[in-house]
N, C-alpha and C. Protein backbone atom coordinates (compact mmCIF):
# COMPACT_ATOMS: atom_id res chain seq x y z
N UNK A 1 146.77 177.37 260.32
CA UNK A 1 148.09 177.30 260.89
C UNK A 1 148.43 175.86 261.31
N UNK A 2 147.43 175.17 261.89
CA UNK A 2 147.67 173.79 262.31
C UNK A 2 148.06 172.93 261.13
N UNK A 3 147.36 173.10 260.00
CA UNK A 3 147.64 172.26 258.84
C UNK A 3 149.03 172.54 258.28
N UNK A 4 149.43 173.81 258.27
CA UNK A 4 150.77 174.15 257.77
C UNK A 4 151.84 173.51 258.64
N UNK A 5 151.67 173.60 259.95
CA UNK A 5 152.66 173.04 260.86
C UNK A 5 152.73 171.52 260.71
N UNK A 6 151.60 170.85 260.70
CA UNK A 6 151.62 169.39 260.55
C UNK A 6 152.18 168.98 259.20
N UNK A 7 151.89 169.76 258.17
CA UNK A 7 152.46 169.48 256.85
C UNK A 7 153.97 169.59 256.85
N UNK A 8 154.48 170.58 257.55
CA UNK A 8 155.94 170.75 257.65
C UNK A 8 156.59 169.58 258.38
N UNK A 9 155.83 168.92 259.24
CA UNK A 9 156.35 167.75 259.96
C UNK A 9 156.23 166.47 259.13
N UNK A 10 155.70 166.59 257.92
CA UNK A 10 155.63 165.44 257.03
C UNK A 10 154.28 164.73 256.99
N UNK A 11 153.29 165.27 257.68
CA UNK A 11 151.96 164.66 257.65
C UNK A 11 151.21 165.14 256.41
N UNK A 12 150.42 164.27 255.81
CA UNK A 12 149.50 164.67 254.76
C UNK A 12 148.27 165.24 255.44
N UNK A 13 147.89 166.45 255.07
CA UNK A 13 146.82 167.15 255.77
C UNK A 13 145.73 167.55 254.77
N UNK A 14 144.48 167.32 255.17
CA UNK A 14 143.32 167.78 254.42
C UNK A 14 142.51 168.63 255.37
N UNK A 15 142.06 169.80 254.92
CA UNK A 15 141.31 170.69 255.79
C UNK A 15 139.87 170.83 255.31
N UNK A 16 139.01 171.23 256.23
CA UNK A 16 137.60 171.48 255.93
C UNK A 16 137.15 172.68 256.75
N UNK A 17 136.23 173.46 256.19
CA UNK A 17 135.73 174.64 256.88
C UNK A 17 134.51 174.35 257.74
N UNK A 18 133.76 173.30 257.42
CA UNK A 18 132.56 172.95 258.18
C UNK A 18 132.60 171.46 258.53
N UNK A 19 131.80 171.10 259.50
CA UNK A 19 131.75 169.69 259.87
C UNK A 19 131.14 168.84 258.76
N UNK A 20 130.19 169.39 258.02
CA UNK A 20 129.61 168.65 256.90
C UNK A 20 130.65 168.39 255.82
N UNK A 21 131.48 169.37 255.53
CA UNK A 21 132.55 169.20 254.57
C UNK A 21 133.56 168.17 255.07
N UNK A 22 133.89 168.22 256.36
CA UNK A 22 134.82 167.25 256.94
C UNK A 22 134.25 165.83 256.82
N UNK A 23 132.95 165.66 257.09
CA UNK A 23 132.34 164.35 256.99
C UNK A 23 132.35 163.84 255.56
N UNK A 24 132.04 164.72 254.59
CA UNK A 24 132.05 164.31 253.19
C UNK A 24 133.44 163.85 252.77
N UNK A 25 134.46 164.54 253.22
CA UNK A 25 135.84 164.16 252.90
C UNK A 25 136.18 162.83 253.54
N UNK A 26 135.87 162.69 254.82
CA UNK A 26 136.20 161.46 255.55
C UNK A 26 135.42 160.27 255.00
N UNK A 27 134.17 160.48 254.65
CA UNK A 27 133.31 159.41 254.15
C UNK A 27 133.83 158.85 252.83
N UNK A 28 134.40 159.70 252.00
CA UNK A 28 134.90 159.26 250.71
C UNK A 28 136.38 158.98 250.68
N UNK A 29 137.04 159.05 251.83
CA UNK A 29 138.50 158.92 251.87
C UNK A 29 138.96 157.50 251.60
N UNK A 30 139.82 157.38 250.63
CA UNK A 30 140.48 156.11 250.33
C UNK A 30 141.93 156.42 250.00
N UNK A 31 142.89 155.95 250.75
CA UNK A 31 142.70 155.13 251.94
C UNK A 31 142.16 155.97 253.08
N UNK A 32 141.76 155.31 254.12
CA UNK A 32 141.19 155.99 255.27
C UNK A 32 142.23 156.83 255.99
N UNK A 33 141.74 157.86 256.67
CA UNK A 33 142.61 158.71 257.48
C UNK A 33 143.06 157.97 258.73
N UNK A 34 144.24 158.30 259.21
CA UNK A 34 144.75 157.74 260.47
C UNK A 34 144.28 158.56 261.66
N UNK A 35 144.21 159.88 261.48
CA UNK A 35 143.84 160.76 262.59
C UNK A 35 143.06 161.96 262.07
N UNK A 36 142.21 162.49 262.94
CA UNK A 36 141.47 163.71 262.62
C UNK A 36 141.59 164.66 263.79
N UNK A 37 141.87 165.92 263.49
CA UNK A 37 141.89 166.97 264.50
C UNK A 37 140.62 167.78 264.28
N UNK A 38 139.71 167.72 265.25
CA UNK A 38 138.42 168.38 265.13
C UNK A 38 138.35 169.56 266.09
N UNK A 39 137.84 170.67 265.60
CA UNK A 39 137.71 171.89 266.40
C UNK A 39 136.24 172.11 266.72
N UNK A 40 135.92 172.30 267.98
CA UNK A 40 134.53 172.48 268.40
C UNK A 40 133.90 173.73 267.80
N UNK A 41 134.70 174.66 267.32
CA UNK A 41 134.15 175.89 266.76
C UNK A 41 133.79 175.78 265.29
N UNK A 42 133.99 174.60 264.67
CA UNK A 42 133.62 174.43 263.26
C UNK A 42 132.10 174.55 263.11
N UNK A 43 131.70 175.22 262.04
CA UNK A 43 130.27 175.38 261.77
C UNK A 43 129.66 174.05 261.34
N UNK A 44 128.39 173.87 261.67
CA UNK A 44 127.67 172.67 261.26
C UNK A 44 127.28 171.82 262.44
N UNK A 45 127.26 170.51 262.21
CA UNK A 45 126.89 169.59 263.29
C UNK A 45 127.89 169.69 264.44
N UNK A 46 127.53 169.17 265.57
CA UNK A 46 128.43 169.25 266.72
C UNK A 46 129.70 168.43 266.47
N UNK A 47 130.76 168.83 267.14
CA UNK A 47 132.01 168.09 267.04
C UNK A 47 131.81 166.64 267.47
N UNK A 48 131.01 166.43 268.52
CA UNK A 48 130.75 165.08 268.99
C UNK A 48 130.05 164.24 267.93
N UNK A 49 129.04 164.80 267.26
CA UNK A 49 128.34 164.05 266.22
C UNK A 49 129.28 163.70 265.07
N UNK A 50 130.11 164.66 264.66
CA UNK A 50 131.08 164.39 263.60
C UNK A 50 132.06 163.31 264.03
N UNK A 51 132.58 163.43 265.23
CA UNK A 51 133.55 162.44 265.72
C UNK A 51 132.93 161.05 265.74
N UNK A 52 131.71 160.94 266.24
CA UNK A 52 131.06 159.63 266.31
C UNK A 52 130.84 159.03 264.93
N UNK A 53 130.45 159.84 263.97
CA UNK A 53 130.30 159.36 262.59
C UNK A 53 131.63 158.86 262.04
N UNK A 54 132.65 159.68 262.22
CA UNK A 54 133.97 159.33 261.69
C UNK A 54 134.53 158.08 262.36
N UNK A 55 134.41 157.99 263.67
CA UNK A 55 134.92 156.83 264.40
C UNK A 55 134.16 155.57 264.02
N UNK A 56 132.85 155.69 263.80
CA UNK A 56 132.06 154.54 263.39
C UNK A 56 132.40 154.06 261.99
N UNK A 57 132.74 154.98 261.12
CA UNK A 57 133.04 154.63 259.73
C UNK A 57 134.46 154.10 259.54
N UNK A 58 135.36 154.45 260.44
CA UNK A 58 136.77 154.07 260.30
C UNK A 58 137.25 153.51 261.64
N UNK A 59 137.28 152.19 261.78
CA UNK A 59 137.61 151.58 263.08
C UNK A 59 139.05 151.79 263.55
N UNK A 60 139.90 152.34 262.71
CA UNK A 60 141.28 152.61 263.16
C UNK A 60 141.55 154.10 263.35
N UNK A 61 140.57 154.95 263.07
CA UNK A 61 140.74 156.39 263.18
C UNK A 61 140.98 156.82 264.62
N UNK A 62 141.85 157.79 264.79
CA UNK A 62 142.10 158.45 266.07
C UNK A 62 141.61 159.88 265.94
N UNK A 63 140.96 160.40 266.99
CA UNK A 63 140.40 161.75 266.95
C UNK A 63 140.99 162.58 268.08
N UNK A 64 141.47 163.77 267.70
CA UNK A 64 141.92 164.77 268.67
C UNK A 64 140.89 165.89 268.62
N UNK A 65 140.17 166.07 269.71
CA UNK A 65 139.14 167.10 269.81
C UNK A 65 139.76 168.33 270.46
N UNK A 66 139.54 169.50 269.87
CA UNK A 66 140.09 170.74 270.42
C UNK A 66 138.97 171.73 270.71
N UNK A 67 139.15 172.49 271.77
CA UNK A 67 138.19 173.54 272.11
C UNK A 67 138.81 174.44 273.16
N UNK A 68 138.35 175.67 273.17
CA UNK A 68 138.74 176.60 274.21
C UNK A 68 137.81 176.52 275.41
N UNK A 69 136.82 175.67 275.30
CA UNK A 69 135.83 175.48 276.37
C UNK A 69 135.85 174.03 276.82
N UNK A 70 135.36 173.76 278.02
CA UNK A 70 135.30 172.36 278.47
C UNK A 70 134.43 171.53 277.51
N UNK A 71 134.84 170.31 277.27
CA UNK A 71 134.11 169.40 276.40
C UNK A 71 133.90 168.10 277.14
N UNK A 72 132.67 167.61 277.13
CA UNK A 72 132.37 166.31 277.71
C UNK A 72 132.78 165.24 276.70
N UNK A 73 133.85 164.55 277.00
CA UNK A 73 134.40 163.55 276.08
C UNK A 73 133.85 162.15 276.35
N UNK A 74 132.98 162.00 277.34
CA UNK A 74 132.57 160.66 277.79
C UNK A 74 131.87 159.86 276.69
N UNK A 75 131.03 160.47 275.88
CA UNK A 75 130.33 159.73 274.83
C UNK A 75 131.32 159.26 273.77
N UNK A 76 132.23 160.12 273.38
CA UNK A 76 133.23 159.75 272.37
C UNK A 76 134.16 158.67 272.92
N UNK A 77 134.60 158.82 274.17
CA UNK A 77 135.50 157.83 274.77
C UNK A 77 134.81 156.48 274.92
N UNK A 78 133.52 156.49 275.24
CA UNK A 78 132.78 155.23 275.37
C UNK A 78 132.61 154.55 274.02
N UNK A 79 132.43 155.35 272.97
CA UNK A 79 132.24 154.80 271.63
C UNK A 79 133.54 154.27 271.03
N UNK A 80 134.66 154.84 271.44
CA UNK A 80 135.95 154.47 270.84
C UNK A 80 137.04 154.57 271.91
N UNK A 81 137.05 153.64 272.87
CA UNK A 81 138.05 153.71 273.95
C UNK A 81 139.48 153.73 273.41
N UNK A 82 140.26 154.68 273.92
CA UNK A 82 141.66 154.78 273.52
C UNK A 82 141.88 155.42 272.17
N UNK A 83 140.81 155.82 271.49
CA UNK A 83 140.95 156.39 270.15
C UNK A 83 140.63 157.87 270.10
N UNK A 84 140.35 158.49 271.25
CA UNK A 84 140.04 159.92 271.28
C UNK A 84 140.82 160.59 272.41
N UNK A 85 141.12 161.85 272.20
CA UNK A 85 141.76 162.64 273.25
C UNK A 85 141.32 164.08 273.10
N UNK A 86 141.45 164.83 274.18
CA UNK A 86 141.09 166.25 274.17
C UNK A 86 142.35 167.08 274.29
N UNK A 87 142.46 168.09 273.44
CA UNK A 87 143.57 169.04 273.47
C UNK A 87 142.98 170.43 273.68
N UNK A 88 143.09 170.95 274.91
CA UNK A 88 142.46 172.26 275.18
C UNK A 88 143.22 173.40 274.51
N UNK A 89 142.45 174.38 274.05
CA UNK A 89 143.02 175.62 273.51
C UNK A 89 143.28 176.58 274.66
N UNK A 90 144.23 177.42 274.54
CA UNK A 90 145.20 177.50 273.45
C UNK A 90 146.28 176.43 273.61
N UNK A 91 146.80 175.98 272.48
CA UNK A 91 147.90 175.03 272.51
C UNK A 91 148.96 175.49 271.53
N UNK A 92 150.16 175.05 271.77
CA UNK A 92 151.28 175.41 270.89
C UNK A 92 151.36 174.40 269.75
N UNK A 93 152.05 174.74 268.68
CA UNK A 93 152.26 173.77 267.61
C UNK A 93 152.93 172.50 268.12
N UNK A 94 153.84 172.65 269.08
CA UNK A 94 154.54 171.49 269.63
C UNK A 94 153.58 170.58 270.39
N UNK A 95 152.60 171.17 271.10
CA UNK A 95 151.61 170.38 271.81
C UNK A 95 150.73 169.60 270.83
N UNK A 96 150.37 170.24 269.72
CA UNK A 96 149.58 169.57 268.68
C UNK A 96 150.39 168.42 268.09
N UNK A 97 151.64 168.68 267.76
CA UNK A 97 152.49 167.63 267.18
C UNK A 97 152.63 166.46 268.14
N UNK A 98 152.79 166.74 269.42
CA UNK A 98 152.90 165.68 270.42
C UNK A 98 151.62 164.86 270.49
N UNK A 99 150.47 165.52 270.45
CA UNK A 99 149.19 164.81 270.49
C UNK A 99 149.03 163.92 269.27
N UNK A 100 149.38 164.42 268.10
CA UNK A 100 149.29 163.61 266.88
C UNK A 100 150.23 162.42 266.97
N UNK A 101 151.46 162.64 267.43
CA UNK A 101 152.41 161.52 267.57
C UNK A 101 151.88 160.46 268.52
N UNK A 102 151.33 160.89 269.66
CA UNK A 102 150.77 159.92 270.64
C UNK A 102 149.64 159.11 270.03
N UNK A 103 148.75 159.79 269.32
CA UNK A 103 147.60 159.08 268.74
C UNK A 103 148.04 158.12 267.64
N UNK A 104 148.99 158.52 266.82
CA UNK A 104 149.47 157.63 265.75
C UNK A 104 150.26 156.47 266.34
N UNK A 105 151.00 156.70 267.41
CA UNK A 105 151.73 155.62 268.08
C UNK A 105 150.75 154.63 268.68
N UNK A 106 149.66 155.12 269.26
CA UNK A 106 148.64 154.25 269.83
C UNK A 106 147.99 153.39 268.75
N UNK A 107 147.84 153.95 267.55
CA UNK A 107 147.26 153.19 266.43
C UNK A 107 148.18 152.03 266.07
N UNK A 108 149.48 152.28 266.01
CA UNK A 108 150.42 151.23 265.64
C UNK A 108 150.47 150.12 266.69
N UNK A 109 150.28 150.49 267.96
CA UNK A 109 150.30 149.49 269.03
C UNK A 109 149.13 148.53 268.94
N UNK A 110 148.01 148.96 268.37
CA UNK A 110 146.84 148.10 268.30
C UNK A 110 146.77 147.28 267.03
N UNK A 111 147.68 147.49 266.10
CA UNK A 111 147.67 146.72 264.85
C UNK A 111 148.15 145.31 265.03
């Protein structure tokens, strides 16, 4: 549902079912992605491990981490200050769109 909504807003969206699949896509992405929305419930490696790999490989990437449970964001924030945010579940499509807009705007400010 998230990908359909973001696609309707004009974003190019690529989805993955597991964190390993997401990493394979991100690792081979040309051009690089601007933002990634990661869900803590994805099967595979932890969301934090995936985020750290992705952030390390793409110095301009922004990550929106989502979960219905509390998430310790300190390691991700320390690794990529200003490039990560947490969006707690449940959230509305409008909240997701707002988070994506904020993260993409922050990317443009640092260019």
